[in-house]
Amino acid sequence: MALTLSRKKRITNPWGGFFFVLPSIVAVLVFVYGMIGWTIKFSLSNRTNAWSKDNSFAGLKNYTGLLEDPEFTHAFGNLMKFTVVFMIGTLISGLIMSLLLEKGIRGEGFFRSIYLYPMAISFIAMGTSWRWLMDSARDDKGTGLNHLFHMAKLNILQNDWYSSENASMYAMALPAIWQMSGYVMALFLAGFRGIPDDLREAARVDGATEFKIYRHILFPQLKPTFLTVLIILGHISMKVFDLIYGISTKSYVTKVLAIYMWQVIFDFQNYAKGSAIAVVILVIIAIVVIPYLIYVNKTEEMK
């Protein structure tokens, strides 16, 4: 009896759980928040290269300088184009696939595996494959998609893809949409399956058509899932690096903020400016994610 009581005391001791998670807390403080603080410190300094010992305070000079940097504004514009096309394309394709599977079709497990398979491929490996698919050579010299269009006598569909100044970021969004559509499909499908069948049956008894059931009952129930999908896709697009690097490396026409940051730090050895770009990316992601976290916390409290 005494042994059982002592065991209960040890189990209910709050310090036991604290020491259990202490290594994770320390790791997060050092390698996440510590690194963020270190990056912010560098972004406010005058350290312009790896050999410089000038760590004096520069204020917001590096940030204001970014607004006057045409490379930065170009990269930011590219990122916005990529984000819009990627999010809209992935949302639409993922929703369509979930609608096709939502009612339970034959071979559903097979189709779900096919749709989710692209997620098993890393962005850098996929970028290498899509670089070949989106080669800009045309007609007999073409490869990948342009070659297929030429064989099908659809030469009008041949494109410069990621080499085009105007359409490069739209082309870059294609492989990202292809990879993430299955994941979005799984989220929407889980949302559909979480809606009670009683709601549908009650609507059918009242004479509602399938279109009205989806429009007035099912889709409104998917608002939390829709918001989650938007946040996840927005977060992925804001920090995209490996996909674009795998396809076009450091090409000017496809440069985004993460590529430019990498170039500034490692090619130009400008630590302060590169850190400022990193902080800008972090702030953009925070603007996207923090309102969602506040919304989720308020929703949980209301429950």
C-alpha atoms as a PDB file:
ATOM      1  CA  MET A   1       0.000   0.000   0.000  1.00  0.00           C
ATOM      2  CA  ALA A   2       2.773   2.409   0.943  1.00  0.00           C
ATOM      3  CA  LEU A   3       4.624   1.493  -2.261  1.00  0.00           C
ATOM      4  CA  THR A   4       1.509   2.278  -4.349  1.00  0.00           C
ATOM      5  CA  LEU A   5       1.102   5.701  -2.684  1.00  0.00           C
ATOM      6  CA  SER A   6       4.741   6.587  -3.309  1.00  0.00           C
ATOM      7  CA  ARG A   7       4.359   5.661  -6.974  1.00  0.00           C
ATOM      8  CA  LYS A   8       1.285   7.870  -7.272  1.00  0.00           C
ATOM      9  CA  LYS A   9       3.200  10.767  -5.738  1.00  0.00           C
ATOM     10  CA  ARG A  10       5.972  10.328  -8.246  1.00  0.00           C
ATOM     11  CA  ILE A  11       3.530  10.158 -11.157  1.00  0.00           C
ATOM     12  CA  THR A  12       1.537  13.216 -10.085  1.00  0.00           C
ATOM     13  CA  ASN A  13       4.646  15.254  -9.335  1.00  0.00           C
ATOM     14  CA  PRO A  14       4.525  18.152 -11.848  1.00  0.00           C
ATOM     15  CA  TRP A  15       8.295  18.504 -11.872  1.00  0.00           C
ATOM     16  CA  GLY A  16       8.637  15.028 -13.362  1.00  0.00           C
ATOM     17  CA  GLY A  17       6.835  16.103 -16.547  1.00  0.00           C
ATOM     18  CA  PHE A  18       8.778  19.361 -16.675  1.00  0.00           C
ATOM     19  CA  PHE A  19      12.169  17.640 -16.606  1.00  0.00           C
ATOM     20  CA  PHE A  20      10.919  15.183 -19.213  1.00  0.00           C
ATOM     21  CA  VAL A  21      10.260  17.968 -21.752  1.00  0.00           C
ATOM     22  CA  LEU A  22      13.139  20.193 -20.599  1.00  0.00           C
ATOM     23  CA  PRO A  23      15.550  19.064 -23.386  1.00  0.00           C
ATOM     24  CA  SER A  24      12.933  19.970 -26.018  1.00  0.00           C
ATOM     25  CA  ILE A  25      12.314  23.349 -24.386  1.00  0.00           C
ATOM     26  CA  VAL A  26      16.040  24.121 -24.329  1.00  0.00           C
ATOM     27  CA  ALA A  27      16.444  23.017 -27.965  1.00  0.00           C
ATOM     28  CA  VAL A  28      13.561  25.250 -29.098  1.00  0.00           C
ATOM     29  CA  LEU A  29      14.854  28.233 -27.100  1.00  0.00           C
ATOM     30  CA  VAL A  30      18.383  27.866 -28.512  1.00  0.00           C
ATOM     31  CA  PHE A  31      17.845  26.692 -32.098  1.00  0.00           C
ATOM     32  CA  VAL A  32      14.571  28.506 -32.870  1.00  0.00           C
ATOM     33  CA  TYR A  33      14.150  31.650 -30.801  1.00  0.00           C
ATOM     34  CA  GLY A  34      17.876  32.019 -30.191  1.00  0.00           C
ATOM     35  CA  MET A  35      18.617  31.871 -33.914  1.00  0.00           C
ATOM     36  CA  ILE A  36      15.785  34.310 -34.641  1.00  0.00           C
ATOM     37  CA  GLY A  37      17.246  36.736 -32.116  1.00  0.00           C
ATOM     38  CA  TRP A  38      20.737  36.271 -33.595  1.00  0.00           C
ATOM     39  CA  THR A  39      19.391  36.952 -37.102  1.00  0.00           C
ATOM     40  CA  ILE A  40      17.596  40.119 -35.956  1.00  0.00           C
ATOM     41  CA  LYS A  41      20.809  41.279 -34.266  1.00  0.00           C
ATOM     42  CA  PHE A  42      22.779  40.788 -37.500  1.00  0.00           C
ATOM     43  CA  SER A  43      20.089  42.589 -39.519  1.00  0.00           C
ATOM     44  CA  LEU A  44      20.576  45.691 -37.338  1.00  0.00           C
ATOM     45  CA  SER A  45      24.359  45.687 -37.671  1.00  0.00           C
ATOM     46  CA  ASN A  46      26.933  46.966 -40.179  1.00  0.00           C
ATOM     47  CA  ARG A  47      28.515  43.566 -40.798  1.00  0.00           C
ATOM     48  CA  THR A  48      28.624  43.392 -44.571  1.00  0.00           C
ATOM     49  CA  ASN A  49      30.861  40.337 -45.062  1.00  0.00           C
ATOM     50  CA  ALA A  50      32.305  37.298 -43.303  1.00  0.00           C
ATOM     51  CA  TRP A  51      35.642  39.006 -42.583  1.00  0.00           C
ATOM     52  CA  SER A  52      34.261  42.247 -41.251  1.00  0.00           C
ATOM     53  CA  LYS A  53      34.561  42.842 -37.506  1.00  0.00           C
ATOM     54  CA  ASP A  54      32.238  45.822 -37.615  1.00  0.00           C
ATOM     55  CA  ASN A  55      29.201  44.722 -35.609  1.00  0.00           C
ATOM     56  CA  SER A  56      28.163  48.278 -34.737  1.00  0.00           C
ATOM     57  CA  PHE A  57      24.493  49.163 -34.603  1.00  0.00           C
ATOM     58  CA  ALA A  58      23.082  50.275 -37.974  1.00  0.00           C
ATOM     59  CA  GLY A  59      19.454  50.752 -37.017  1.00  0.00           C
ATOM     60  CA  LEU A  60      16.951  50.142 -39.797  1.00  0.00           C
ATOM     61  CA  LYS A  61      19.401  51.013 -42.558  1.00  0.00           C
ATOM     62  CA  ASN A  62      19.434  47.476 -43.962  1.00  0.00           C
ATOM     63  CA  TYR A  63      15.634  47.367 -44.041  1.00  0.00           C
ATOM     64  CA  THR A  64      15.167  50.742 -45.704  1.00  0.00           C
ATOM     65  CA  GLY A  65      17.863  49.767 -48.189  1.00  0.00           C
ATOM     66  CA  LEU A  66      15.769  46.787 -49.274  1.00  0.00           C
ATOM     67  CA  LEU A  67      12.980  49.105 -50.432  1.00  0.00           C
ATOM     68  CA  GLU A  68      15.432  50.802 -52.773  1.00  0.00           C
ATOM     69  CA  ASP A  69      16.871  47.505 -54.040  1.00  0.00           C
ATOM     70  CA  PRO A  70      15.322  46.553 -57.422  1.00  0.00           C
ATOM     71  CA  GLU A  71      16.409  42.917 -56.936  1.00  0.00           C
ATOM     72  CA  PHE A  72      14.450  42.726 -53.683  1.00  0.00           C
ATOM     73  CA  THR A  73      11.294  44.278 -55.127  1.00  0.00           C
ATOM     74  CA  HIS A  74      11.571  41.970 -58.151  1.00  0.00           C
ATOM     75  CA  ALA A  75      11.930  38.910 -55.897  1.00  0.00           C
ATOM     76  CA  PHE A  76       9.016  40.053 -53.746  1.00  0.00           C
ATOM     77  CA  GLY A  77       6.811  40.550 -56.826  1.00  0.00           C
ATOM     78  CA  ASN A  78       7.731  37.071 -58.073  1.00  0.00           C
ATOM     79  CA  LEU A  79       6.843  35.610 -54.694  1.00  0.00           C
ATOM     80  CA  MET A  80       3.410  37.251 -54.742  1.00  0.00           C
ATOM     81  CA  LYS A  81       2.704  35.922 -58.259  1.00  0.00           C
ATOM     82  CA  PHE A  82       3.772  32.432 -57.247  1.00  0.00           C
ATOM     83  CA  THR A  83       1.704  32.552 -54.043  1.00  0.00           C
ATOM     84  CA  VAL A  84      -1.527  33.627 -55.752  1.00  0.00           C
ATOM     85  CA  VAL A  85      -1.341  31.033 -58.556  1.00  0.00           C
ATOM     86  CA  PHE A  86      -0.130  28.263 -56.236  1.00  0.00           C
ATOM     87  CA  MET A  87      -2.852  28.813 -53.624  1.00  0.00           C
ATOM     88  CA  ILE A  88      -5.737  29.198 -56.082  1.00  0.00           C
ATOM     89  CA  GLY A  89      -4.616  26.272 -58.251  1.00  0.00           C
ATOM     90  CA  THR A  90      -4.022  23.946 -55.296  1.00  0.00           C
ATOM     91  CA  LEU A  91      -7.316  24.870 -53.614  1.00  0.00           C
ATOM     92  CA  ILE A  92      -9.354  24.247 -56.767  1.00  0.00           C
ATOM     93  CA  SER A  93      -7.622  20.998 -57.771  1.00  0.00           C
ATOM     94  CA  GLY A  94      -7.630  19.630 -54.204  1.00  0.00           C
ATOM     95  CA  LEU A  95     -11.317  20.461 -53.743  1.00  0.00           C
ATOM     96  CA  ILE A  96     -12.259  18.841 -57.065  1.00  0.00           C
ATOM     97  CA  MET A  97     -10.379  15.644 -56.159  1.00  0.00           C
ATOM     98  CA  SER A  98     -12.035  15.519 -52.730  1.00  0.00           C
ATOM     99  CA  LEU A  99     -15.466  15.952 -54.324  1.00  0.00           C
ATOM    100  CA  LEU A 100     -14.750  13.038 -56.654  1.00  0.00           C
ATOM    101  CA  LEU A 101     -13.849  10.784 -53.716  1.00  0.00           C
ATOM    102  CA  GLU A 102     -16.232  12.202 -51.147  1.00  0.00           C
ATOM    103  CA  LYS A 103     -19.157   9.869 -51.792  1.00  0.00           C
ATOM    104  CA  GLY A 104     -16.998   6.759 -51.707  1.00  0.00           C
ATOM    105  CA  ILE A 105     -16.110   5.278 -55.073  1.00  0.00           C
ATOM    106  CA  ARG A 106     -14.627   1.958 -56.082  1.00  0.00           C
ATOM    107  CA  GLY A 107     -10.892   1.860 -55.607  1.00  0.00           C
ATOM    108  CA  GLU A 108     -10.919   4.928 -53.379  1.00  0.00           C
ATOM    109  CA  GLY A 109      -7.796   3.763 -51.540  1.00  0.00           C
ATOM    110  CA  PHE A 110      -5.948   3.419 -54.851  1.00  0.00           C
ATOM    111  CA  PHE A 111      -6.924   6.897 -56.015  1.00  0.00           C
ATOM    112  CA  ARG A 112      -6.037   8.453 -52.668  1.00  0.00           C
ATOM    113  CA  SER A 113      -2.583   6.870 -52.906  1.00  0.00           C
ATOM    114  CA  ILE A 114      -2.141   8.177 -56.449  1.00  0.00           C
ATOM    115  CA  TYR A 115      -3.184  11.697 -55.432  1.00  0.00           C
ATOM    116  CA  LEU A 116      -0.948  11.698 -52.357  1.00  0.00           C
ATOM    117  CA  TYR A 117       2.073  10.110 -54.057  1.00  0.00           C
ATOM    118  CA  PRO A 118       3.653  13.433 -55.211  1.00  0.00           C
ATOM    119  CA  MET A 119       4.017  14.454 -51.557  1.00  0.00           C
ATOM    120  CA  ALA A 120       6.504  11.623 -51.083  1.00  0.00           C
ATOM    121  CA  ILE A 121       8.887  13.347 -53.520  1.00  0.00           C
ATOM    122  CA  SER A 122      11.153  16.055 -52.197  1.00  0.00           C
ATOM    123  CA  PHE A 123      10.888  19.521 -53.744  1.00  0.00           C
ATOM    124  CA  ILE A 124      14.498  19.419 -54.971  1.00  0.00           C
ATOM    125  CA  ALA A 125      14.065  16.031 -56.693  1.00  0.00           C
ATOM    126  CA  MET A 126      10.773  17.120 -58.205  1.00  0.00           C
ATOM    127  CA  GLY A 127      12.367  20.376 -59.344  1.00  0.00           C
ATOM    128  CA  THR A 128      15.000  18.438 -61.274  1.00  0.00           C
ATOM    129  CA  SER A 129      12.304  16.430 -63.078  1.00  0.00           C
ATOM    130  CA  TRP A 130      10.155  19.449 -63.854  1.00  0.00           C
ATOM    131  CA  ARG A 131      13.192  21.316 -65.157  1.00  0.00           C
ATOM    132  CA  TRP A 132      13.330  18.728 -67.944  1.00  0.00           C
ATOM    133  CA  LEU A 133       9.550  18.756 -68.432  1.00  0.00           C
ATOM    134  CA  MET A 134       9.447  22.549 -68.773  1.00  0.00           C
ATOM    135  CA  ASP A 135      12.416  22.902 -71.104  1.00  0.00           C
ATOM    136  CA  SER A 136      11.878  25.892 -73.377  1.00  0.00           C
ATOM    137  CA  ALA A 137      13.205  24.275 -76.589  1.00  0.00           C
ATOM    138  CA  ARG A 138      10.480  23.815 -79.199  1.00  0.00           C
ATOM    139  CA  ASP A 139       9.413  21.552 -82.062  1.00  0.00           C
ATOM    140  CA  ASP A 140      11.943  18.804 -82.893  1.00  0.00           C
ATOM    141  CA  LYS A 141      14.451  20.188 -80.422  1.00  0.00           C
ATOM    142  CA  GLY A 142      11.948  20.236 -77.595  1.00  0.00           C
ATOM    143  CA  THR A 143      11.790  17.877 -74.641  1.00  0.00           C
ATOM    144  CA  GLY A 144       9.191  17.240 -71.988  1.00  0.00           C
ATOM    145  CA  LEU A 145       5.884  19.074 -72.396  1.00  0.00           C
ATOM    146  CA  ASN A 146       6.876  21.002 -75.516  1.00  0.00           C
ATOM    147  CA  HIS A 147       7.860  17.738 -77.217  1.00  0.00           C
ATOM    148  CA  LEU A 148       4.513  16.149 -76.293  1.00  0.00           C
ATOM    149  CA  PHE A 149       2.624  19.147 -77.660  1.00  0.00           C
ATOM    150  CA  HIS A 150       4.648  18.972 -80.882  1.00  0.00           C
ATOM    151  CA  MET A 151       3.899  15.254 -81.291  1.00  0.00           C
ATOM    152  CA  ALA A 152       0.189  15.920 -80.700  1.00  0.00           C
ATOM    153  CA  LYS A 153       0.213  18.723 -83.297  1.00  0.00           C
ATOM    154  CA  LEU A 154      -0.621  21.244 -80.571  1.00  0.00           C
ATOM    155  CA  ASN A 155       2.292  23.572 -81.216  1.00  0.00           C
ATOM    156  CA  ILE A 156       0.219  26.526 -80.071  1.00  0.00           C
ATOM    157  CA  LEU A 157       0.514  25.189 -76.520  1.00  0.00           C
ATOM    158  CA  GLN A 158       4.315  25.182 -76.577  1.00  0.00           C
ATOM    159  CA  ASN A 159       5.739  27.651 -74.107  1.00  0.00           C
ATOM    160  CA  ASP A 160       8.965  29.121 -72.791  1.00  0.00           C
ATOM    161  CA  TRP A 161       7.808  28.050 -69.320  1.00  0.00           C
ATOM    162  CA  TYR A 162      10.198  29.186 -66.576  1.00  0.00           C
ATOM    163  CA  SER A 163      12.448  31.005 -69.081  1.00  0.00           C
ATOM    164  CA  SER A 164       9.743  33.539 -69.879  1.00  0.00           C
ATOM    165  CA  GLU A 165       9.954  36.937 -68.199  1.00  0.00           C
ATOM    166  CA  ASN A 166       6.166  37.267 -67.931  1.00  0.00           C
ATOM    167  CA  ALA A 167       5.023  33.684 -67.306  1.00  0.00           C
ATOM    168  CA  SER A 168       7.939  32.228 -65.334  1.00  0.00           C
ATOM    169  CA  MET A 169       6.304  32.283 -61.882  1.00  0.00           C
ATOM    170  CA  TYR A 170       3.049  30.868 -63.215  1.00  0.00           C
ATOM    171  CA  ALA A 171       5.046  27.979 -64.679  1.00  0.00           C
ATOM    172  CA  MET A 172       6.868  27.560 -61.356  1.00  0.00           C
ATOM    173  CA  ALA A 173       3.523  27.140 -59.607  1.00  0.00           C
ATOM    174  CA  LEU A 174       2.592  24.115 -61.745  1.00  0.00           C
ATOM    175  CA  PRO A 175       4.848  21.535 -60.030  1.00  0.00           C
ATOM    176  CA  ALA A 176       3.968  22.977 -56.613  1.00  0.00           C
ATOM    177  CA  ILE A 177       0.252  22.581 -57.400  1.00  0.00           C
ATOM    178  CA  TRP A 178       0.891  19.047 -58.654  1.00  0.00           C
ATOM    179  CA  GLN A 179       2.646  18.097 -55.424  1.00  0.00           C
ATOM    180  CA  MET A 180       0.351  19.723 -52.854  1.00  0.00           C
ATOM    181  CA  SER A 181      -3.064  19.054 -54.430  1.00  0.00           C
ATOM    182  CA  GLY A 182      -3.209  15.562 -52.921  1.00  0.00           C
ATOM    183  CA  TYR A 183      -2.541  16.919 -49.453  1.00  0.00           C
ATOM    184  CA  VAL A 184      -5.292  19.518 -49.814  1.00  0.00           C
ATOM    185  CA  MET A 185      -7.583  16.766 -51.128  1.00  0.00           C
ATOM    186  CA  ALA A 186      -6.941  14.733 -47.968  1.00  0.00           C
ATOM    187  CA  LEU A 187      -7.770  17.711 -45.730  1.00  0.00           C
ATOM    188  CA  PHE A 188     -11.014  18.500 -47.563  1.00  0.00           C
ATOM    189  CA  LEU A 189     -11.960  14.821 -47.681  1.00  0.00           C
ATOM    190  CA  ALA A 190     -11.483  14.557 -43.920  1.00  0.00           C
ATOM    191  CA  GLY A 191     -13.659  17.667 -43.551  1.00  0.00           C
ATOM    192  CA  PHE A 192     -16.427  16.153 -45.681  1.00  0.00           C
ATOM    193  CA  ARG A 193     -16.296  12.863 -43.782  1.00  0.00           C
ATOM    194  CA  GLY A 194     -16.557  14.754 -40.489  1.00  0.00           C
ATOM    195  CA  ILE A 195     -19.963  16.200 -41.413  1.00  0.00           C
ATOM    196  CA  PRO A 196     -22.828  14.059 -39.995  1.00  0.00           C
ATOM    197  CA  ASP A 197     -24.891  12.221 -42.628  1.00  0.00           C
ATOM    198  CA  ASP A 198     -28.038  13.275 -40.773  1.00  0.00           C
ATOM    199  CA  LEU A 199     -27.645  16.807 -42.140  1.00  0.00           C
ATOM    200  CA  ARG A 200     -27.659  15.547 -45.712  1.00  0.00           C
ATOM    201  CA  GLU A 201     -30.593  13.214 -45.151  1.00  0.00           C
ATOM    202  CA  ALA A 202     -32.636  15.960 -43.498  1.00  0.00           C
ATOM    203  CA  ALA A 203     -31.938  18.288 -46.430  1.00  0.00           C
ATOM    204  CA  ARG A 204     -32.941  15.610 -48.960  1.00  0.00           C
ATOM    205  CA  VAL A 205     -36.184  14.979 -47.077  1.00  0.00           C
ATOM    206  CA  ASP A 206     -36.916  18.723 -47.332  1.00  0.00           C
ATOM    207  CA  GLY A 207     -36.451  18.480 -51.099  1.00  0.00           C
ATOM    208  CA  ALA A 208     -33.005  20.094 -51.423  1.00  0.00           C
ATOM    209  CA  THR A 209     -31.004  19.249 -54.533  1.00  0.00           C
ATOM    210  CA  GLU A 210     -27.427  17.993 -54.302  1.00  0.00           C
ATOM    211  CA  PHE A 211     -26.166  21.378 -55.453  1.00  0.00           C
ATOM    212  CA  LYS A 212     -28.035  23.148 -52.654  1.00  0.00           C
ATOM    213  CA  ILE A 213     -26.840  20.578 -50.109  1.00  0.00           C
ATOM    214  CA  TYR A 214     -23.231  21.312 -50.997  1.00  0.00           C
ATOM    215  CA  ARG A 215     -23.728  25.064 -51.251  1.00  0.00           C
ATOM    216  CA  HIS A 216     -25.786  25.663 -48.107  1.00  0.00           C
ATOM    217  CA  ILE A 217     -24.803  22.776 -45.822  1.00  0.00           C
ATOM    218  CA  LEU A 218     -21.508  21.073 -46.679  1.00  0.00           C
ATOM    219  CA  PHE A 219     -19.365  23.986 -47.864  1.00  0.00           C
ATOM    220  CA  PRO A 220     -20.219  26.222 -44.878  1.00  0.00           C
ATOM    221  CA  GLN A 221     -19.198  23.342 -42.600  1.00  0.00           C
ATOM    222  CA  LEU A 222     -15.788  23.314 -44.316  1.00  0.00           C
ATOM    223  CA  LYS A 223     -14.850  26.874 -43.327  1.00  0.00           C
ATOM    224  CA  PRO A 224     -12.358  25.762 -40.597  1.00  0.00           C
ATOM    225  CA  THR A 225     -10.758  23.301 -43.053  1.00  0.00           C
ATOM    226  CA  PHE A 226     -10.625  25.976 -45.743  1.00  0.00           C
ATOM    227  CA  LEU A 227      -8.880  28.370 -43.359  1.00  0.00           C
ATOM    228  CA  THR A 228      -6.386  25.698 -42.328  1.00  0.00           C
ATOM    229  CA  VAL A 229      -5.591  24.945 -45.969  1.00  0.00           C
ATOM    230  CA  LEU A 230      -5.058  28.651 -46.712  1.00  0.00           C
ATOM    231  CA  ILE A 231      -2.621  29.018 -43.810  1.00  0.00           C
ATOM    232  CA  ILE A 232      -0.638  25.894 -44.718  1.00  0.00           C
ATOM    233  CA  LEU A 233      -0.365  26.822 -48.394  1.00  0.00           C
ATOM    234  CA  GLY A 234       0.500  30.429 -47.579  1.00  0.00           C
ATOM    235  CA  HIS A 235       3.246  29.311 -45.208  1.00  0.00           C
ATOM    236  CA  ILE A 236       4.704  26.928 -47.801  1.00  0.00           C
ATOM    237  CA  SER A 237       4.665  29.499 -50.591  1.00  0.00           C
ATOM    238  CA  MET A 238       6.243  32.305 -48.522  1.00  0.00           C
ATOM    239  CA  LYS A 239       9.405  30.299 -47.862  1.00  0.00           C
ATOM    240  CA  VAL A 240       9.635  28.375 -51.138  1.00  0.00           C
ATOM    241  CA  PHE A 241      13.265  27.742 -52.060  1.00  0.00           C
ATOM    242  CA  ASP A 242      14.221  24.197 -53.052  1.00  0.00           C
ATOM    243  CA  LEU A 243      11.606  23.779 -55.804  1.00  0.00           C
ATOM    244  CA  ILE A 244      12.645  26.958 -57.603  1.00  0.00           C
ATOM    245  CA  TYR A 245      16.342  26.307 -57.049  1.00  0.00           C
ATOM    246  CA  GLY A 246      15.948  22.773 -58.429  1.00  0.00           C
ATOM    247  CA  ILE A 247      14.303  24.062 -61.604  1.00  0.00           C
ATOM    248  CA  SER A 248      16.100  27.310 -62.452  1.00  0.00           C
ATOM    249  CA  THR A 249      18.835  27.692 -59.751  1.00  0.00           C
ATOM    250  CA  LYS A 250      19.470  31.441 -59.334  1.00  0.00           C
ATOM    251  CA  SER A 251      17.846  32.708 -62.525  1.00  0.00           C
ATOM    252  CA  TYR A 252      16.774  36.341 -62.297  1.00  0.00           C
ATOM    253  CA  VAL A 253      13.332  35.788 -63.842  1.00  0.00           C
ATOM    254  CA  THR A 254      12.335  33.226 -61.174  1.00  0.00           C
ATOM    255  CA  LYS A 255      14.087  34.739 -58.163  1.00  0.00           C
ATOM    256  CA  VAL A 256      12.035  34.880 -54.940  1.00  0.00           C
ATOM    257  CA  LEU A 257      12.927  36.195 -51.477  1.00  0.00           C
ATOM    258  CA  ALA A 258      14.419  32.939 -50.171  1.00  0.00           C
ATOM    259  CA  ILE A 259      16.628  32.576 -53.263  1.00  0.00           C
ATOM    260  CA  TYR A 260      17.741  36.197 -53.021  1.00  0.00           C
ATOM    261  CA  MET A 261      18.480  35.848 -49.308  1.00  0.00           C
ATOM    262  CA  TRP A 262      20.657  32.786 -49.981  1.00  0.00           C
ATOM    263  CA  GLN A 263      22.442  34.664 -52.773  1.00  0.00           C
ATOM    264  CA  VAL A 264      23.090  37.757 -50.642  1.00  0.00           C
ATOM    265  CA  ILE A 265      24.500  35.746 -47.728  1.00  0.00           C
ATOM    266  CA  PHE A 266      26.578  33.127 -49.551  1.00  0.00           C
ATOM    267  CA  ASP A 267      27.423  34.742 -52.903  1.00  0.00           C
ATOM    268  CA  PHE A 268      27.717  38.383 -51.879  1.00  0.00           C
ATOM    269  CA  GLN A 269      28.794  37.658 -48.264  1.00  0.00           C
ATOM    270  CA  ASN A 270      26.528  40.445 -46.994  1.00  0.00           C
ATOM    271  CA  TYR A 271      25.381  39.014 -43.669  1.00  0.00           C
ATOM    272  CA  ALA A 272      23.493  42.080 -42.462  1.00  0.00           C
ATOM    273  CA  LYS A 273      21.423  42.493 -45.615  1.00  0.00           C
ATOM    274  CA  GLY A 274      20.764  38.750 -45.887  1.00  0.00           C
ATOM    275  CA  SER A 275      19.603  38.691 -42.266  1.00  0.00           C
ATOM    276  CA  ALA A 276      17.257  41.607 -42.979  1.00  0.00           C
ATOM    277  CA  ILE A 277      15.704  39.657 -45.858  1.00  0.00           C
ATOM    278  CA  ALA A 278      15.308  36.631 -43.560  1.00  0.00           C
ATOM    279  CA  VAL A 279      13.522  38.777 -40.980  1.00  0.00           C
ATOM    280  CA  VAL A 280      11.209  40.172 -43.675  1.00  0.00           C
ATOM    281  CA  ILE A 281      10.288  36.600 -44.691  1.00  0.00           C
ATOM    282  CA  LEU A 282       9.674  35.743 -41.027  1.00  0.00           C
ATOM    283  CA  VAL A 283       7.416  38.786 -40.578  1.00  0.00           C
ATOM    284  CA  ILE A 284       5.402  37.903 -43.697  1.00  0.00           C
ATOM    285  CA  ILE A 285       4.886  34.354 -42.423  1.00  0.00           C
ATOM    286  CA  ALA A 286       3.938  35.687 -38.970  1.00  0.00           C
ATOM    287  CA  ILE A 287       1.338  37.985 -40.547  1.00  0.00           C
ATOM    288  CA  VAL A 288      -0.192  34.921 -42.186  1.00  0.00           C
ATOM    289  CA  VAL A 289       0.045  32.462 -39.273  1.00  0.00           C
ATOM    290  CA  ILE A 290      -0.545  34.513 -36.086  1.00  0.00           C
ATOM    291  CA  PRO A 291      -4.146  35.570 -36.884  1.00  0.00           C
ATOM    292  CA  TYR A 292      -4.936  31.907 -37.546  1.00  0.00           C
ATOM    293  CA  LEU A 293      -3.487  30.854 -34.182  1.00  0.00           C
ATOM    294  CA  ILE A 294      -5.525  33.557 -32.428  1.00  0.00           C
ATOM    295  CA  TYR A 295      -8.649  32.347 -34.213  1.00  0.00           C
ATOM    296  CA  VAL A 296      -7.988  28.720 -33.242  1.00  0.00           C
ATOM    297  CA  ASN A 297      -7.399  29.641 -29.583  1.00  0.00           C
ATOM    298  CA  LYS A 298     -10.618  31.663 -29.434  1.00  0.00           C
ATOM    299  CA  THR A 299     -12.531  28.797 -31.049  1.00  0.00           C
ATOM    300  CA  GLU A 300     -11.152  26.314 -28.520  1.00  0.00           C
ATOM    301  CA  GLU A 301     -12.070  28.632 -25.623  1.00  0.00           C
ATOM    302  CA  MET A 302     -15.645  28.950 -26.917  1.00  0.00           C
ATOM    303  CA  LYS A 303     -15.969  25.184 -26.861  1.00  0.00           C
END
